[in-house]
Amino acid sequence: MLQTIEKLVQFVAVNEAQSKQAYEQFRAALGNVALPPWEELPGTAKRTWFAVTHAADQRADIAEGMTNLLRAERDDARRESASLRESLEAARRELHLLRERAPAEGSA
């Protein structure tokens, strides 16, 4: 139980640090807009920012997962296409051989 609580505390600390970093980057990007530093935000604002950045992280993870699935499908399609090309080429070679043999057999 203690290990679980320690992991939870570590998770929250890491995510709060990431949220703080994201907030400070956002604040810097706005330039002249007067936003308080992270330390001066009330607890509710920090929790809201944490929720927003967490949701954005989840959306990014979902998008990355979808991208990976699409890449896998693309790679499968490429392999299937290459296999079909090889089969078509083998069929063409076989047909060519049959055509070459047909006149020789017909004239005998």
N, C-alpha and C. Protein backbone atom coordinates (compact mmCIF):
# COMPACT_ATOMS: atom_id res chain seq x y z
N MET A 1 0.83 -1.19 0.00
CA MET A 1 0.00 0.00 0.00
C MET A 1 0.87 1.26 0.00
N LEU A 2 1.93 1.22 0.80
CA LEU A 2 2.82 2.38 0.88
C LEU A 2 3.49 2.64 -0.46
N GLN A 3 3.88 1.58 -1.17
CA GLN A 3 4.50 1.74 -2.49
C GLN A 3 3.52 2.38 -3.47
N THR A 4 2.27 1.98 -3.40
CA THR A 4 1.25 2.55 -4.27
C THR A 4 1.09 4.04 -4.01
N ILE A 5 1.06 4.41 -2.75
CA ILE A 5 0.93 5.83 -2.40
C ILE A 5 2.16 6.61 -2.86
N GLU A 6 3.35 6.02 -2.69
CA GLU A 6 4.56 6.69 -3.15
C GLU A 6 4.54 6.90 -4.66
N LYS A 7 4.08 5.90 -5.39
CA LYS A 7 3.98 6.04 -6.85
C LYS A 7 2.98 7.11 -7.24
N LEU A 8 1.86 7.18 -6.52
CA LEU A 8 0.85 8.19 -6.79
C LEU A 8 1.42 9.59 -6.54
N VAL A 9 2.14 9.76 -5.45
CA VAL A 9 2.76 11.05 -5.14
C VAL A 9 3.77 11.42 -6.22
N GLN A 10 4.57 10.47 -6.65
CA GLN A 10 5.55 10.72 -7.70
C GLN A 10 4.85 11.11 -9.00
N PHE A 11 3.76 10.40 -9.35
CA PHE A 11 3.00 10.69 -10.56
C PHE A 11 2.46 12.12 -10.52
N VAL A 12 1.87 12.49 -9.39
CA VAL A 12 1.30 13.84 -9.26
C VAL A 12 2.40 14.88 -9.32
N ALA A 13 3.53 14.63 -8.67
CA ALA A 13 4.63 15.59 -8.68
C ALA A 13 5.16 15.80 -10.09
N VAL A 14 5.36 14.71 -10.83
CA VAL A 14 5.86 14.81 -12.20
C VAL A 14 4.85 15.54 -13.07
N ASN A 15 3.58 15.18 -12.95
CA ASN A 15 2.56 15.83 -13.78
C ASN A 15 2.37 17.30 -13.40
N GLU A 16 2.52 17.62 -12.12
CA GLU A 16 2.42 19.02 -11.73
C GLU A 16 3.60 19.81 -12.29
N ALA A 17 4.79 19.21 -12.28
CA ALA A 17 5.96 19.87 -12.85
C ALA A 17 5.76 20.10 -14.35
N GLN A 18 5.20 19.10 -15.04
CA GLN A 18 4.93 19.27 -16.48
C GLN A 18 3.87 20.33 -16.71
N SER A 19 2.85 20.37 -15.86
CA SER A 19 1.81 21.39 -15.98
C SER A 19 2.38 22.77 -15.75
N LYS A 20 3.25 22.88 -14.73
CA LYS A 20 3.88 24.17 -14.45
C LYS A 20 4.71 24.62 -15.65
N GLN A 21 5.48 23.70 -16.21
CA GLN A 21 6.31 24.04 -17.36
C GLN A 21 5.44 24.49 -18.54
N ALA A 22 4.35 23.76 -18.79
CA ALA A 22 3.45 24.11 -19.89
C ALA A 22 2.82 25.48 -19.64
N TYR A 23 2.42 25.75 -18.40
CA TYR A 23 1.82 27.05 -18.07
C TYR A 23 2.82 28.18 -18.27
N GLU A 24 4.04 27.98 -17.79
CA GLU A 24 5.05 29.03 -17.92
C GLU A 24 5.40 29.28 -19.40
N GLN A 25 5.41 28.23 -20.21
CA GLN A 25 5.65 28.41 -21.65
C GLN A 25 4.49 29.17 -22.28
N PHE A 26 3.28 28.83 -21.89
CA PHE A 26 2.09 29.53 -22.38
C PHE A 26 2.15 31.00 -21.99
N ARG A 27 2.48 31.24 -20.73
CA ARG A 27 2.57 32.60 -20.21
C ARG A 27 3.62 33.41 -20.97
N ALA A 28 4.77 32.79 -21.24
CA ALA A 28 5.84 33.47 -21.98
C ALA A 28 5.43 33.74 -23.42
N ALA A 29 4.67 32.81 -24.01
CA ALA A 29 4.25 32.97 -25.41
C ALA A 29 3.28 34.14 -25.57
N LEU A 30 2.52 34.43 -24.52
CA LEU A 30 1.56 35.53 -24.61
C LEU A 30 2.22 36.90 -24.52
N GLY A 31 3.42 36.93 -24.03
CA GLY A 31 4.16 38.19 -24.01
C GLY A 31 3.61 39.20 -23.04
N ASN A 32 2.88 40.20 -23.55
CA ASN A 32 2.44 41.34 -22.75
C ASN A 32 1.20 41.08 -21.91
N VAL A 33 0.59 39.93 -22.05
CA VAL A 33 -0.62 39.63 -21.26
C VAL A 33 -0.19 39.33 -19.83
N ALA A 34 -0.83 39.98 -18.90
CA ALA A 34 -0.45 39.84 -17.49
C ALA A 34 -1.08 38.60 -16.88
N LEU A 35 -0.32 37.52 -16.85
CA LEU A 35 -0.75 36.31 -16.15
C LEU A 35 0.18 36.10 -14.97
N PRO A 36 -0.38 35.68 -13.85
CA PRO A 36 0.48 35.47 -12.69
C PRO A 36 1.39 34.26 -12.88
N PRO A 37 2.54 34.26 -12.22
CA PRO A 37 3.39 33.07 -12.29
C PRO A 37 2.68 31.89 -11.62
N TRP A 38 3.13 30.70 -11.94
CA TRP A 38 2.53 29.46 -11.44
C TRP A 38 2.34 29.49 -9.93
N GLU A 39 3.35 29.95 -9.23
CA GLU A 39 3.31 29.94 -7.77
C GLU A 39 2.20 30.81 -7.20
N GLU A 40 1.77 31.84 -7.95
CA GLU A 40 0.73 32.74 -7.46
C GLU A 40 -0.67 32.31 -7.89
N LEU A 41 -0.78 31.28 -8.69
CA LEU A 41 -2.10 30.80 -9.10
C LEU A 41 -2.81 30.18 -7.90
N PRO A 42 -4.11 30.43 -7.77
CA PRO A 42 -4.84 29.73 -6.70
C PRO A 42 -4.94 28.24 -7.03
N GLY A 43 -5.20 27.43 -6.02
CA GLY A 43 -5.25 25.98 -6.20
C GLY A 43 -6.21 25.54 -7.30
N THR A 44 -7.36 26.21 -7.40
CA THR A 44 -8.35 25.85 -8.41
C THR A 44 -7.78 26.06 -9.81
N ALA A 45 -7.09 27.17 -10.02
CA ALA A 45 -6.52 27.45 -11.33
C ALA A 45 -5.45 26.42 -11.68
N LYS A 46 -4.65 26.03 -10.69
CA LYS A 46 -3.63 25.01 -10.92
C LYS A 46 -4.26 23.68 -11.31
N ARG A 47 -5.32 23.32 -10.58
CA ARG A 47 -6.01 22.05 -10.90
C ARG A 47 -6.64 22.12 -12.28
N THR A 48 -7.21 23.27 -12.63
CA THR A 48 -7.81 23.44 -13.95
C THR A 48 -6.74 23.32 -15.03
N TRP A 49 -5.61 24.01 -14.83
CA TRP A 49 -4.53 23.93 -15.82
C TRP A 49 -4.02 22.51 -15.93
N PHE A 50 -3.87 21.84 -14.78
CA PHE A 50 -3.42 20.45 -14.78
C PHE A 50 -4.39 19.59 -15.59
N ALA A 51 -5.69 19.79 -15.38
CA ALA A 51 -6.70 19.02 -16.11
C ALA A 51 -6.62 19.29 -17.61
N VAL A 52 -6.42 20.55 -17.96
CA VAL A 52 -6.34 20.92 -19.38
C VAL A 52 -5.11 20.29 -20.02
N THR A 53 -3.96 20.39 -19.35
CA THR A 53 -2.75 19.82 -19.94
C THR A 53 -2.82 18.30 -19.95
N HIS A 54 -3.45 17.73 -18.92
CA HIS A 54 -3.60 16.27 -18.90
C HIS A 54 -4.48 15.81 -20.06
N ALA A 55 -5.58 16.53 -20.29
CA ALA A 55 -6.47 16.19 -21.41
C ALA A 55 -5.73 16.34 -22.74
N ALA A 56 -4.91 17.38 -22.87
CA ALA A 56 -4.15 17.57 -24.10
C ALA A 56 -3.15 16.43 -24.28
N ASP A 57 -2.51 16.02 -23.19
CA ASP A 57 -1.59 14.88 -23.27
C ASP A 57 -2.31 13.62 -23.71
N GLN A 58 -3.51 13.41 -23.17
CA GLN A 58 -4.28 12.23 -23.55
C GLN A 58 -4.65 12.28 -25.02
N ARG A 59 -5.05 13.44 -25.52
CA ARG A 59 -5.40 13.57 -26.93
C ARG A 59 -4.16 13.32 -27.79
N ALA A 60 -3.01 13.81 -27.35
CA ALA A 60 -1.78 13.58 -28.10
C ALA A 60 -1.44 12.09 -28.11
N ASP A 61 -1.64 11.42 -26.98
CA ASP A 61 -1.37 9.98 -26.92
C ASP A 61 -2.31 9.21 -27.85
N ILE A 62 -3.57 9.61 -27.88
CA ILE A 62 -4.55 8.97 -28.76
C ILE A 62 -4.17 9.20 -30.22
N ALA A 63 -3.80 10.44 -30.54
CA ALA A 63 -3.40 10.75 -31.92
C ALA A 63 -2.16 9.94 -32.32
N GLU A 64 -1.21 9.82 -31.39
CA GLU A 64 -0.02 9.03 -31.67
C GLU A 64 -0.37 7.57 -31.89
N GLY A 65 -1.29 7.04 -31.08
CA GLY A 65 -1.73 5.66 -31.26
C GLY A 65 -2.41 5.45 -32.60
N MET A 66 -3.26 6.40 -32.98
CA MET A 66 -3.93 6.29 -34.27
C MET A 66 -2.92 6.38 -35.41
N THR A 67 -1.93 7.25 -35.27
CA THR A 67 -0.89 7.37 -36.29
C THR A 67 -0.14 6.05 -36.43
N ASN A 68 0.19 5.44 -35.30
CA ASN A 68 0.89 4.15 -35.34
C ASN A 68 0.05 3.07 -36.01
N LEU A 69 -1.26 3.07 -35.73
CA LEU A 69 -2.14 2.10 -36.39
C LEU A 69 -2.19 2.33 -37.89
N LEU A 70 -2.29 3.60 -38.29
CA LEU A 70 -2.32 3.92 -39.72
C LEU A 70 -1.00 3.53 -40.39
N ARG A 71 0.10 3.75 -39.70
CA ARG A 71 1.40 3.34 -40.26
C ARG A 71 1.46 1.83 -40.43
N ALA A 72 0.96 1.11 -39.44
CA ALA A 72 0.96 -0.35 -39.53
C ALA A 72 0.10 -0.81 -40.70
N GLU A 73 -1.06 -0.19 -40.87
CA GLU A 73 -1.93 -0.54 -42.01
C GLU A 73 -1.23 -0.21 -43.32
N ARG A 74 -0.57 0.94 -43.38
CA ARG A 74 0.16 1.32 -44.59
C ARG A 74 1.26 0.31 -44.90
N ASP A 75 2.00 -0.08 -43.87
CA ASP A 75 3.08 -1.05 -44.07
C ASP A 75 2.53 -2.40 -44.52
N ASP A 76 1.41 -2.82 -43.93
CA ASP A 76 0.77 -4.07 -44.36
C ASP A 76 0.35 -3.98 -45.82
N ALA A 77 -0.23 -2.84 -46.20
CA ALA A 77 -0.67 -2.65 -47.58
C ALA A 77 0.53 -2.67 -48.54
N ARG A 78 1.64 -2.08 -48.11
CA ARG A 78 2.84 -2.11 -48.95
C ARG A 78 3.34 -3.53 -49.14
N ARG A 79 3.35 -4.30 -48.04
CA ARG A 79 3.81 -5.70 -48.15
C ARG A 79 2.87 -6.50 -49.05
N GLU A 80 1.58 -6.31 -48.88
CA GLU A 80 0.61 -7.02 -49.71
C GLU A 80 0.76 -6.62 -51.17
N SER A 81 0.95 -5.33 -51.42
CA SER A 81 1.14 -4.85 -52.79
C SER A 81 2.40 -5.46 -53.41
N ALA A 82 3.49 -5.51 -52.64
CA ALA A 82 4.73 -6.11 -53.15
C ALA A 82 4.52 -7.59 -53.44
N SER A 83 3.80 -8.28 -52.57
CA SER A 83 3.53 -9.70 -52.78
C SER A 83 2.68 -9.91 -54.04
N LEU A 84 1.68 -9.07 -54.23
CA LEU A 84 0.85 -9.17 -55.43
C LEU A 84 1.65 -8.88 -56.69
N ARG A 85 2.56 -7.88 -56.61
CA ARG A 85 3.43 -7.58 -57.75
C ARG A 85 4.30 -8.78 -58.10
N GLU A 86 4.85 -9.42 -57.07
CA GLU A 86 5.69 -10.60 -57.30
C GLU A 86 4.88 -11.73 -57.93
N SER A 87 3.66 -11.93 -57.43
CA SER A 87 2.79 -12.98 -58.00
C SER A 87 2.44 -12.67 -59.44
N LEU A 88 2.15 -11.41 -59.73
CA LEU A 88 1.82 -11.00 -61.09
C LEU A 88 3.02 -11.22 -62.01
N GLU A 89 4.20 -10.86 -61.53
CA GLU A 89 5.40 -11.06 -62.34
C GLU A 89 5.65 -12.54 -62.58
N ALA A 90 5.45 -13.36 -61.58
CA ALA A 90 5.63 -14.81 -61.75
C ALA A 90 4.62 -15.35 -62.75
N ALA A 91 3.38 -14.88 -62.70
CA ALA A 91 2.35 -15.32 -63.64
C ALA A 91 2.71 -14.88 -65.06
N ARG A 92 3.24 -13.67 -65.19
CA ARG A 92 3.66 -13.20 -66.51
C ARG A 92 4.79 -14.06 -67.07
N ARG A 93 5.76 -14.39 -66.23
CA ARG A 93 6.86 -15.25 -66.69
C ARG A 93 6.34 -16.62 -67.11
N GLU A 94 5.43 -17.16 -66.33
CA GLU A 94 4.86 -18.48 -66.64
C GLU A 94 4.09 -18.41 -67.95
N LEU A 95 3.30 -17.37 -68.14
CA LEU A 95 2.55 -17.20 -69.39
C LEU A 95 3.51 -17.06 -70.57
N HIS A 96 4.57 -16.31 -70.40
CA HIS A 96 5.56 -16.15 -71.46
C HIS A 96 6.19 -17.50 -71.83
N LEU A 97 6.52 -18.30 -70.80
CA LEU A 97 7.08 -19.63 -71.07
C LEU A 97 6.08 -20.52 -71.80
N LEU A 98 4.81 -20.45 -71.41
CA LEU A 98 3.78 -21.24 -72.07
C LEU A 98 3.62 -20.83 -73.53
N ARG A 99 3.68 -19.52 -73.78
CA ARG A 99 3.57 -19.03 -75.15
C ARG A 99 4.75 -19.48 -75.99
N GLU A 100 5.93 -19.51 -75.39
CA GLU A 100 7.12 -19.96 -76.13
C GLU A 100 7.02 -21.45 -76.47
N ARG A 101 6.48 -22.23 -75.56
CA ARG A 101 6.38 -23.66 -75.79
C ARG A 101 5.25 -24.03 -76.75
N ALA A 102 4.19 -23.25 -76.76
CA ALA A 102 3.01 -23.58 -77.57
C ALA A 102 3.33 -23.68 -79.06
N PRO A 103 4.01 -22.74 -79.68
CA PRO A 103 4.31 -22.89 -81.12
C PRO A 103 5.20 -24.10 -81.39
N ALA A 104 6.16 -24.37 -80.52
CA ALA A 104 7.05 -25.51 -80.72
C ALA A 104 6.27 -26.81 -80.65
N GLU A 105 5.35 -26.90 -79.74
CA GLU A 105 4.55 -28.13 -79.60
C GLU A 105 3.54 -28.26 -80.75
N GLY A 106 3.00 -27.13 -81.21
CA GLY A 106 2.01 -27.16 -82.28
C GLY A 106 2.61 -27.53 -83.62
N SER A 107 3.87 -27.23 -83.86
CA SER A 107 4.50 -27.55 -85.15
C SER A 107 5.03 -28.97 -85.20
N ALA A 108 5.05 -29.66 -84.11
CA ALA A 108 5.60 -31.02 -84.11
C ALA A 108 4.66 -32.03 -84.60
